PDB file of N, CA and C in Angstrom:
ATOM      1  N   MET A   1       9.442 -31.356 -23.998  1.00  0.00           N
ATOM      2  CA  MET A   1      10.200 -30.273 -23.955  1.00  0.00           C
ATOM      3  C   MET A   1      11.963 -31.499 -22.615  1.00  0.00           C
ATOM      4  N   ARG A   2      12.965 -30.767 -23.413  1.00  0.00           N
ATOM      5  CA  ARG A   2      14.085 -31.714 -22.813  1.00  0.00           C
ATOM      6  C   ARG A   2      14.178 -30.912 -21.042  1.00  0.00           C
ATOM      7  N   PRO A   3      14.842 -31.689 -20.960  1.00  0.00           N
ATOM      8  CA  PRO A   3      15.053 -30.984 -19.405  1.00  0.00           C
ATOM      9  C   PRO A   3      16.099 -30.070 -18.886  1.00  0.00           C
ATOM     10  N   ASN A   4      16.315 -29.914 -19.302  1.00  0.00           N
ATOM     11  CA  ASN A   4      17.270 -28.486 -18.819  1.00  0.00           C
ATOM     12  C   ASN A   4      16.466 -27.261 -19.266  1.00  0.00           C
ATOM     13  N   ASN A   5      15.643 -27.383 -20.195  1.00  0.00           N
ATOM     14  CA  ASN A   5      14.582 -26.202 -20.972  1.00  0.00           C
ATOM     15  C   ASN A   5      13.600 -26.292 -19.828  1.00  0.00           C
ATOM     16  N   LEU A   6      13.341 -27.415 -19.226  1.00  0.00           N
ATOM     17  CA  LEU A   6      12.131 -27.563 -17.736  1.00  0.00           C
ATOM     18  C   LEU A   6      12.413 -26.667 -16.956  1.00  0.00           C
ATOM     19  N   LEU A   7      13.656 -27.631 -16.505  1.00  0.00           N
ATOM     20  CA  LEU A   7      14.284 -26.351 -15.740  1.00  0.00           C
ATOM     21  C   LEU A   7      14.337 -25.013 -14.871  1.00  0.00           C
ATOM     22  N   ALA A   8      15.124 -24.606 -16.109  1.00  0.00           N
ATOM     23  CA  ALA A   8      14.949 -23.400 -17.095  1.00  0.00           C
ATOM     24  C   ALA A   8      13.719 -22.390 -16.524  1.00  0.00           C
ATOM     25  N   TRP A   9      12.347 -23.069 -17.210  1.00  0.00           N
ATOM     26  CA  TRP A   9      11.319 -22.346 -17.226  1.00  0.00           C
ATOM     27  C   TRP A   9      10.823 -22.711 -15.911  1.00  0.00           C
ATOM     28  N   PHE A  10      11.058 -23.658 -15.009  1.00  0.00           N
ATOM     29  CA  PHE A  10      10.458 -23.655 -13.376  1.00  0.00           C
ATOM     30  C   PHE A  10      11.798 -22.435 -12.992  1.00  0.00           C
ATOM     31  N   TYR A  11      12.686 -22.469 -12.863  1.00  0.00           N
ATOM     32  CA  TYR A  11      13.548 -21.632 -12.050  1.00  0.00           C
ATOM     33  C   TYR A  11      12.878 -20.029 -12.693  1.00  0.00           C
ATOM     34  N   MET A  12      12.330 -19.897 -14.054  1.00  0.00           N
ATOM     35  CA  MET A  12      11.737 -18.826 -14.677  1.00  0.00           C
ATOM     36  C   MET A  12      10.452 -18.046 -13.948  1.00  0.00           C
ATOM     37  N   VAL A  13      10.026 -19.321 -13.447  1.00  0.00           N
ATOM     38  CA  VAL A  13       8.409 -19.297 -13.086  1.00  0.00           C
ATOM     39  C   VAL A  13       8.683 -18.950 -11.227  1.00  0.00           C
ATOM     40  N   LEU A  14       9.797 -19.419 -10.753  1.00  0.00           N
ATOM     41  CA  LEU A  14       9.567 -19.422  -9.223  1.00  0.00           C
ATOM     42  C   LEU A  14      10.561 -17.876  -8.934  1.00  0.00           C
ATOM     43  N   VAL A  15      11.360 -17.510  -9.888  1.00  0.00           N
ATOM     44  CA  VAL A  15      11.670 -16.672  -8.942  1.00  0.00           C
ATOM     45  C   VAL A  15      11.057 -15.454  -9.923  1.00  0.00           C
ATOM     46  N   GLY A  16      10.090 -15.426 -10.459  1.00  0.00           N
ATOM     47  CA  GLY A  16       9.071 -14.163 -11.102  1.00  0.00           C
ATOM     48  C   GLY A  16       8.147 -14.662 -10.031  1.00  0.00           C
ATOM     49  N   GLU A  17       7.752 -15.962  -9.459  1.00  0.00           N
ATOM     50  CA  GLU A  17       6.782 -15.390  -8.283  1.00  0.00           C
ATOM     51  C   GLU A  17       7.309 -15.361  -7.522  1.00  0.00           C
ATOM     52  N   ILE A  18       8.446 -15.884  -6.919  1.00  0.00           N
ATOM     53  CA  ILE A  18       8.956 -14.783  -6.165  1.00  0.00           C
ATOM     54  C   ILE A  18       9.107 -13.268  -5.682  1.00  0.00           C
ATOM     55  N   TRP A  19       9.467 -12.350  -7.332  1.00  0.00           N
ATOM     56  CA  TRP A  19       9.633 -11.314  -7.149  1.00  0.00           C
ATOM     57  C   TRP A  19       8.413 -10.499  -6.990  1.00  0.00           C
ATOM     58  N   LEU A  20       7.058 -11.270  -7.421  1.00  0.00           N
ATOM     59  CA  LEU A  20       5.846 -10.918  -7.226  1.00  0.00           C
ATOM     60  C   LEU A  20       5.706 -10.933  -6.155  1.00  0.00           C
ATOM     61  N   LEU A  21       5.826 -12.240  -5.176  1.00  0.00           N
ATOM     62  CA  LEU A  21       5.271 -11.784  -3.929  1.00  0.00           C
ATOM     63  C   LEU A  21       6.332 -10.892  -3.399  1.00  0.00           C
ATOM     64  N   ILE A  22       7.271 -10.679  -3.285  1.00  0.00           N
ATOM     65  CA  ILE A  22       8.008  -9.704  -2.139  1.00  0.00           C
ATOM     66  C   ILE A  22       7.849  -8.412  -2.999  1.00  0.00           C
ATOM     67  N   LEU A  23       7.469  -8.331  -4.560  1.00  0.00           N
ATOM     68  CA  LEU A  23       6.531  -6.932  -4.598  1.00  0.00           C
ATOM     69  C   LEU A  23       5.817  -6.356  -4.053  1.00  0.00           C
ATOM     70  N   ARG A  24       4.591  -7.097  -4.525  1.00  0.00           N
ATOM     71  CA  ARG A  24       3.840  -7.301  -3.750  1.00  0.00           C
ATOM     72  C   ARG A  24       3.535  -6.870  -1.806  1.00  0.00           C
ATOM     73  N   ALA A  25       4.288  -7.583  -1.161  1.00  0.00           N
ATOM     74  CA  ALA A  25       4.700  -7.320  -0.071  1.00  0.00           C
ATOM     75  C   ALA A  25       4.861  -5.979   0.496  1.00  0.00           C
ATOM     76  N   VAL A  26       5.885  -5.743  -0.213  1.00  0.00           N
ATOM     77  CA  VAL A  26       6.654  -4.380   0.149  1.00  0.00           C
ATOM     78  C   VAL A  26       5.497  -3.539  -0.475  1.00  0.00           C
ATOM     79  N   VAL A  27       4.982  -3.507  -1.484  1.00  0.00           N
ATOM     80  CA  VAL A  27       3.383  -2.154  -1.573  1.00  0.00           C
ATOM     81  C   VAL A  27       2.474  -2.683  -0.604  1.00  0.00           C
ATOM     82  N   LEU A  28       1.928  -3.507  -0.539  1.00  0.00           N
ATOM     83  CA  LEU A  28       1.474  -3.457   0.910  1.00  0.00           C
ATOM     84  C   LEU A  28       1.571  -2.857   2.465  1.00  0.00           C
ATOM     85  N   ILE A  29       2.886  -2.868   2.343  1.00  0.00           N
ATOM     86  CA  ILE A  29       3.659  -2.663   3.902  1.00  0.00           C
ATOM     87  C   ILE A  29       3.404  -1.012   3.856  1.00  0.00           C
ATOM     88  N   ALA A  30       3.890  -0.840   2.164  1.00  0.00           N
ATOM     89  CA  ALA A  30       4.223   0.423   2.154  1.00  0.00           C
ATOM     90  C   ALA A  30       2.514   1.385   2.704  1.00  0.00           C
ATOM     91  N   ILE A  31       1.664   0.874   1.382  1.00  0.00           N
ATOM     92  CA  ILE A  31       0.238   1.179   1.738  1.00  0.00           C
ATOM     93  C   ILE A  31      -0.419   1.505   3.358  1.00  0.00           C
ATOM     94  N   PHE A  32       0.082  -0.020   4.286  1.00  0.00           N
ATOM     95  CA  PHE A  32      -0.858   0.321   5.267  1.00  0.00           C
ATOM     96  C   PHE A  32       0.054   1.275   6.043  1.00  0.00           C
ATOM     97  N   THR A  33       1.166   0.917   6.013  1.00  0.00           N
ATOM     98  CA  THR A  33       2.061   2.283   7.115  1.00  0.00           C
ATOM     99  C   THR A  33       1.279   3.473   6.451  1.00  0.00           C
ATOM    100  N   LEU A  34       1.324   3.917   5.349  1.00  0.00           N
ATOM    101  CA  LEU A  34       0.636   5.199   4.969  1.00  0.00           C
ATOM    102  C   LEU A  34      -0.860   5.621   5.428  1.00  0.00           C
ATOM    103  N   ILE A  35      -1.316   4.844   5.809  1.00  0.00           N
ATOM    104  CA  ILE A  35      -2.728   4.854   6.414  1.00  0.00           C
ATOM    105  C   ILE A  35      -2.184   4.642   7.807  1.00  0.00           C
ATOM    106  N   ALA A  36      -2.028   4.031   8.362  1.00  0.00           N
ATOM    107  CA  ALA A  36      -1.961   3.792  10.072  1.00  0.00           C
ATOM    108  C   ALA A  36      -0.693   5.541  10.237  1.00  0.00           C
ATOM    109  N   TYR A  37      -0.277   5.937   9.652  1.00  0.00           N
ATOM    110  CA  TYR A  37       0.283   7.076   9.519  1.00  0.00           C
ATOM    111  C   TYR A  37      -0.429   8.062   9.621  1.00  0.00           C
ATOM    112  N   GLY A  38      -1.725   8.491   8.528  1.00  0.00           N
ATOM    113  CA  GLY A  38      -2.603   9.032   8.169  1.00  0.00           C
ATOM    114  C   GLY A  38      -3.774   8.997   9.522  1.00  0.00           C
ATOM    115  N   ILE A  39      -3.958   7.350  10.011  1.00  0.00           N
ATOM    116  CA  ILE A  39      -5.033   7.584  11.082  1.00  0.00           C
ATOM    117  C   ILE A  39      -4.432   8.090  12.321  1.00  0.00           C
ATOM    118  N   PHE A  40      -3.277   8.113  12.273  1.00  0.00           N
ATOM    119  CA  PHE A  40      -2.865   8.363  13.970  1.00  0.00           C
ATOM    120  C   PHE A  40      -2.422   9.994  14.218  1.00  0.00           C
ATOM    121  N   SER A  41      -1.434  10.596  12.535  1.00  0.00           N
ATOM    122  CA  SER A  41      -1.232  11.463  12.971  1.00  0.00           C
ATOM    123  C   SER A  41      -3.083  12.756  12.748  1.00  0.00           C
ATOM    124  N   SER A  42      -3.973  12.295  12.049  1.00  0.00           N
ATOM    125  CA  SER A  42      -4.799  12.829  11.728  1.00  0.00           C
ATOM    126  C   SER A  42      -6.058  12.889  13.512  1.00  0.00           C
ATOM    127  N   ALA A  43      -5.579  11.520  13.859  1.00  0.00           N
ATOM    128  CA  ALA A  43      -6.585  11.833  15.021  1.00  0.00           C
ATOM    129  C   ALA A  43      -5.982  12.543  16.156  1.00  0.00           C
ATOM    130  N   ALA A  44      -4.990  13.035  15.887  1.00  0.00           N
ATOM    131  CA  ALA A  44      -4.341  14.122  16.738  1.00  0.00           C
ATOM    132  C   ALA A  44      -4.722  15.624  16.551  1.00  0.00           C
ATOM    133  N   LYS A  45      -5.301  15.624  14.958  1.00  0.00           N
ATOM    134  CA  LYS A  45      -6.189  17.127  14.744  1.00  0.00           C
ATOM    135  C   LYS A  45      -6.999  16.540  14.318  1.00  0.00           C
ATOM    136  N   LYS A  46      -8.014  15.843  13.716  1.00  0.00           N
ATOM    137  CA  LYS A  46      -8.959  16.076  13.416  1.00  0.00           C
ATOM    138  C   LYS A  46      -9.705  14.872  13.496  1.00  0.00           C
ATOM    139  N   PRO A  47     -10.766  14.550  14.415  1.00  0.00           N
ATOM    140  CA  PRO A  47     -11.765  13.073  15.137  1.00  0.00           C
ATOM    141  C   PRO A  47     -12.545  12.777  13.626  1.00  0.00           C
ATOM    142  N   GLU A  48     -13.006  13.773  12.905  1.00  0.00           N
ATOM    143  CA  GLU A  48     -13.778  13.139  12.200  1.00  0.00           C
ATOM    144  C   GLU A  48     -13.449  12.527  10.489  1.00  0.00           C
ATOM    145  N   CYS A  49     -11.181  12.916  10.401  1.00  0.00           N
ATOM    146  CA  CYS A  49     -11.016  13.015   9.544  1.00  0.00           C
ATOM    147  C   CYS A  49     -10.236  11.654   9.750  1.00  0.00           C
ATOM    148  N   ALA A  50      -9.912  11.502  10.837  1.00  0.00           N
ATOM    149  CA  ALA A  50      -9.286   9.769  11.508  1.00  0.00           C
ATOM    150  C   ALA A  50     -10.444   8.884  11.121  1.00  0.00           C
ATOM    151  N   THR A  51     -11.977   9.115  10.970  1.00  0.00           N
ATOM    152  CA  THR A  51     -12.275   7.879  10.931  1.00  0.00           C
ATOM    153  C   THR A  51     -12.842   7.718   9.599  1.00  0.00           C
ATOM    154  N   GLY A  52     -11.425   7.211   9.167  1.00  0.00           N
ATOM    155  CA  GLY A  52     -11.713   5.956   7.436  1.00  0.00           C
ATOM    156  C   GLY A  52     -11.290   7.138   6.847  1.00  0.00           C
ATOM    157  N   PHE A  53     -11.048   8.306   6.596  1.00  0.00           N
ATOM    158  CA  PHE A  53     -10.657   9.424   6.000  1.00  0.00           C
ATOM    159  C   PHE A  53     -11.906   9.973   5.281  1.00  0.00           C
ATOM    160  N   LEU A  54     -12.715   9.462   5.977  1.00  0.00           N
ATOM    161  CA  LEU A  54     -13.594  10.342   4.682  1.00  0.00           C
ATOM    162  C   LEU A  54     -14.476  11.900   5.077  1.00  0.00           C
ATOM    163  N   TYR A  55     -14.407  12.704   4.115  1.00  0.00           N
ATOM    164  CA  TYR A  55     -14.976  14.095   4.447  1.00  0.00           C
ATOM    165  C   TYR A  55     -15.871  13.978   3.620  1.00  0.00           C
ATOM    166  N   ASN A  56     -16.468  14.877   3.305  1.00  0.00           N
ATOM    167  CA  ASN A  56     -17.961  15.440   2.567  1.00  0.00           C
ATOM    168  C   ASN A  56     -18.214  14.493   1.339  1.00  0.00           C
ATOM    169  N   HIS A  57     -17.392  15.618   0.570  1.00  0.00           N
ATOM    170  CA  HIS A  57     -17.471  14.719  -1.109  1.00  0.00           C
ATOM    171  C   HIS A  57     -16.371  13.818  -1.662  1.00  0.00           C
ATOM    172  N   GLY A  58     -15.491  14.464  -0.526  1.00  0.00           N
ATOM    173  CA  GLY A  58     -13.844  14.037  -1.201  1.00  0.00           C
ATOM    174  C   GLY A  58     -13.529  13.054   0.260  1.00  0.00           C
ATOM    175  N   ILE A  59     -11.754  12.703  -0.200  1.00  0.00           N
ATOM    176  CA  ILE A  59     -11.520  12.105   1.786  1.00  0.00           C
ATOM    177  C   ILE A  59     -10.175  12.413   1.444  1.00  0.00           C
ATOM    178  N   CYS A  60     -10.298  12.710   3.265  1.00  0.00           N
ATOM    179  CA  CYS A  60      -9.319  12.969   3.732  1.00  0.00           C
ATOM    180  C   CYS A  60      -7.715  11.907   3.764  1.00  0.00           C
ATOM    181  N   VAL A  61      -6.785  12.057   2.603  1.00  0.00           N
ATOM    182  CA  VAL A  61      -5.930  11.792   2.409  1.00  0.00           C
ATOM    183  C   VAL A  61      -4.470  11.730   3.090  1.00  0.00           C
ATOM    184  N   ILE A  62      -4.000  10.603   3.884  1.00  0.00           N
ATOM    185  CA  ILE A  62      -3.411  10.896   4.909  1.00  0.00           C
ATOM    186  C   ILE A  62      -2.816  11.735   5.617  1.00  0.00           C
ATOM    187  N   GLY A  63      -3.855  12.224   6.430  1.00  0.00           N
ATOM    188  CA  GLY A  63      -3.326  13.414   7.122  1.00  0.00           C
ATOM    189  C   GLY A  63      -3.765  15.435   6.417  1.00  0.00           C
ATOM    190  N   TYR A  64      -3.721  15.074   5.360  1.00  0.00           N
ATOM    191  CA  TYR A  64      -4.056  16.044   4.684  1.00  0.00           C
ATOM    192  C   TYR A  64      -5.240  16.554   4.352  1.00  0.00           C
ATOM    193  N   ASP A  65      -5.521  18.014   5.072  1.00  0.00           N
ATOM    194  CA  ASP A  65      -6.586  18.904   5.165  1.00  0.00           C
ATOM    195  C   ASP A  65      -6.930  20.020   3.754  1.00  0.00           C
ATOM    196  N   PRO A  66      -8.122  19.472   3.069  1.00  0.00           N
ATOM    197  CA  PRO A  66      -8.094  20.307   2.216  1.00  0.00           C
ATOM    198  C   PRO A  66      -8.644  21.667   2.577  1.00  0.00           C
ATOM    199  N   HIS A  67      -9.717  21.669   3.884  1.00  0.00           N
ATOM    200  CA  HIS A  67      -9.922  23.106   4.096  1.00  0.00           C
ATOM    201  C   HIS A  67      -8.817  24.007   4.430  1.00  0.00           C
ATOM    202  N   LYS A  68      -7.489  23.109   4.911  1.00  0.00           N
ATOM    203  CA  LYS A  68      -6.538  23.923   5.429  1.00  0.00           C
ATOM    204  C   LYS A  68      -5.137  24.682   4.342  1.00  0.00           C
ATOM    205  N   LYS A  69      -5.136  25.390   4.174  1.00  0.00           N
ATOM    206  CA  LYS A  69      -4.165  25.730   2.996  1.00  0.00           C
ATOM    207  C   LYS A  69      -3.066  26.184   4.089  1.00  0.00           C
ATOM    208  N   SER A  70      -1.782  25.352   3.690  1.00  0.00           N
ATOM    209  CA  SER A  70      -1.159  25.454   4.368  1.00  0.00           C
ATOM    210  C   SER A  70       0.025  25.686   3.560  1.00  0.00           C
TER     211      SER A  70
END
C-alpha cells in the first residue's frame, strides 16, 4: 500500500469515526432531553406516569396520556 493511499484511508476512517461519534452524541442528547422533559412535564400532571413512564400494559410516552383524549 502506498503512503498516499494509507493517508487517505486513515483520513476516511478518522472522519467517519468522528461523524459517527457526533451523530451518536446528538442522538443521545436528544433522547435524554425528551426523557427529562417527559419526566418533568408528567410529574406535574400524573405521578405514576413520571415513575419510569410505566402505564398498565403500555408505556407513558413523553407526557402523553393515552386515557386523556386531547
